[in-house]
Amino acid sequence: MCSSDLSITGNGSTTAFTATHNLNTKNIVIALYDSSDNLVHADTQTTTVNAVTFTFGVAPTNGTAYRWVVVGY
């Protein structure tokens, strides 16, 4: 199972973003990328069987987009 074309966008003040993947499992592997395809490190928590929360140490600037890929098993 996998989901793709998932994104989150910074607003300059929010540090935690909850994103939905709808894979119905907490057994997932996640990769988070910036617009230059660099791997980005953020704290991640599988908050439900269908969602994950990314927490950044500093709020991403307004309009900064991240693409994430998740695979569930």
Protein backbone atom coordinates (compact mmCIF):
# COMPACT_ATOMS: atom_id res chain seq x y z
CA MET A 1 0.00 0.00 0.00
CA CYS A 2 1.24 3.49 -0.68
CA SER A 3 0.03 7.05 -1.05
CA SER A 4 1.71 9.68 -3.16
CA ASP A 5 1.25 13.31 -4.21
CA LEU A 6 0.84 14.34 -0.59
CA SER A 7 1.93 17.81 0.48
CA ILE A 8 1.99 20.28 3.35
CA THR A 9 2.66 24.02 3.08
CA GLY A 10 4.15 26.31 5.72
CA ASN A 11 2.47 29.51 6.87
CA GLY A 12 5.26 31.07 8.94
CA SER A 13 3.76 30.32 12.34
CA THR A 14 2.61 26.68 12.51
CA THR A 15 5.17 24.08 13.56
CA ALA A 16 2.92 20.96 13.60
CA PHE A 17 1.05 19.69 10.56
CA THR A 18 -1.34 16.74 10.57
CA ALA A 19 -1.57 15.00 7.22
CA THR A 20 -3.94 12.24 6.11
CA HIS A 21 -2.81 9.17 4.18
CA ASN A 22 -5.86 6.85 4.50
CA LEU A 23 -3.80 3.64 4.55
CA ASN A 24 -5.62 2.31 7.64
CA THR A 25 -2.42 1.34 9.47
CA LYS A 26 0.14 2.84 11.85
CA ASN A 27 2.81 0.60 10.29
CA ILE A 28 4.18 3.14 7.82
CA VAL A 29 7.45 4.44 6.43
CA ILE A 30 7.59 8.16 5.61
CA ALA A 31 9.94 10.40 3.61
CA LEU A 32 9.55 14.20 3.57
CA TYR A 33 11.11 16.31 0.77
CA ASP A 34 11.46 20.02 0.06
CA SER A 35 10.87 21.60 -3.36
CA SER A 36 14.50 20.86 -4.35
CA ASP A 37 13.98 17.14 -3.60
CA ASN A 38 16.16 17.28 -0.47
CA LEU A 39 15.19 14.95 2.34
CA VAL A 40 13.81 17.00 5.24
CA HIS A 41 13.95 15.89 8.86
CA ALA A 42 10.97 16.61 11.10
CA ASP A 43 9.63 14.82 14.14
CA THR A 44 6.90 12.46 13.01
CA GLN A 45 4.13 10.73 14.93
CA THR A 46 1.53 8.31 13.62
CA THR A 47 -1.44 9.97 15.28
CA THR A 48 -4.10 7.60 13.91
CA VAL A 49 -4.25 4.69 11.47
CA ASN A 50 -4.91 7.27 8.73
CA ALA A 51 -2.87 10.30 9.76
CA VAL A 52 0.62 11.44 10.68
CA THR A 53 1.80 14.64 12.37
CA PHE A 54 5.01 16.37 11.27
CA THR A 55 6.53 18.74 13.84
CA PHE A 56 9.26 21.19 12.84
CA GLY A 57 11.63 22.86 15.31
CA VAL A 58 11.01 26.18 13.52
CA ALA A 59 7.85 27.04 11.61
CA PRO A 60 8.35 26.72 7.85
CA THR A 61 8.10 30.08 6.11
CA ASN A 62 4.89 31.09 4.39
CA GLY A 63 4.46 29.19 1.13
CA THR A 64 7.23 26.66 1.76
CA ALA A 65 5.94 23.38 0.38
CA TYR A 66 6.95 19.87 1.34
CA ARG A 67 6.08 16.67 -0.49
CA TRP A 68 5.79 13.48 1.51
CA VAL A 69 5.65 9.87 0.52
CA VAL A 70 4.22 7.16 2.74
CA VAL A 71 4.19 3.40 2.40
CA GLY A 72 2.08 1.25 4.70
CA TYR A 73 2.28 -2.45 5.45
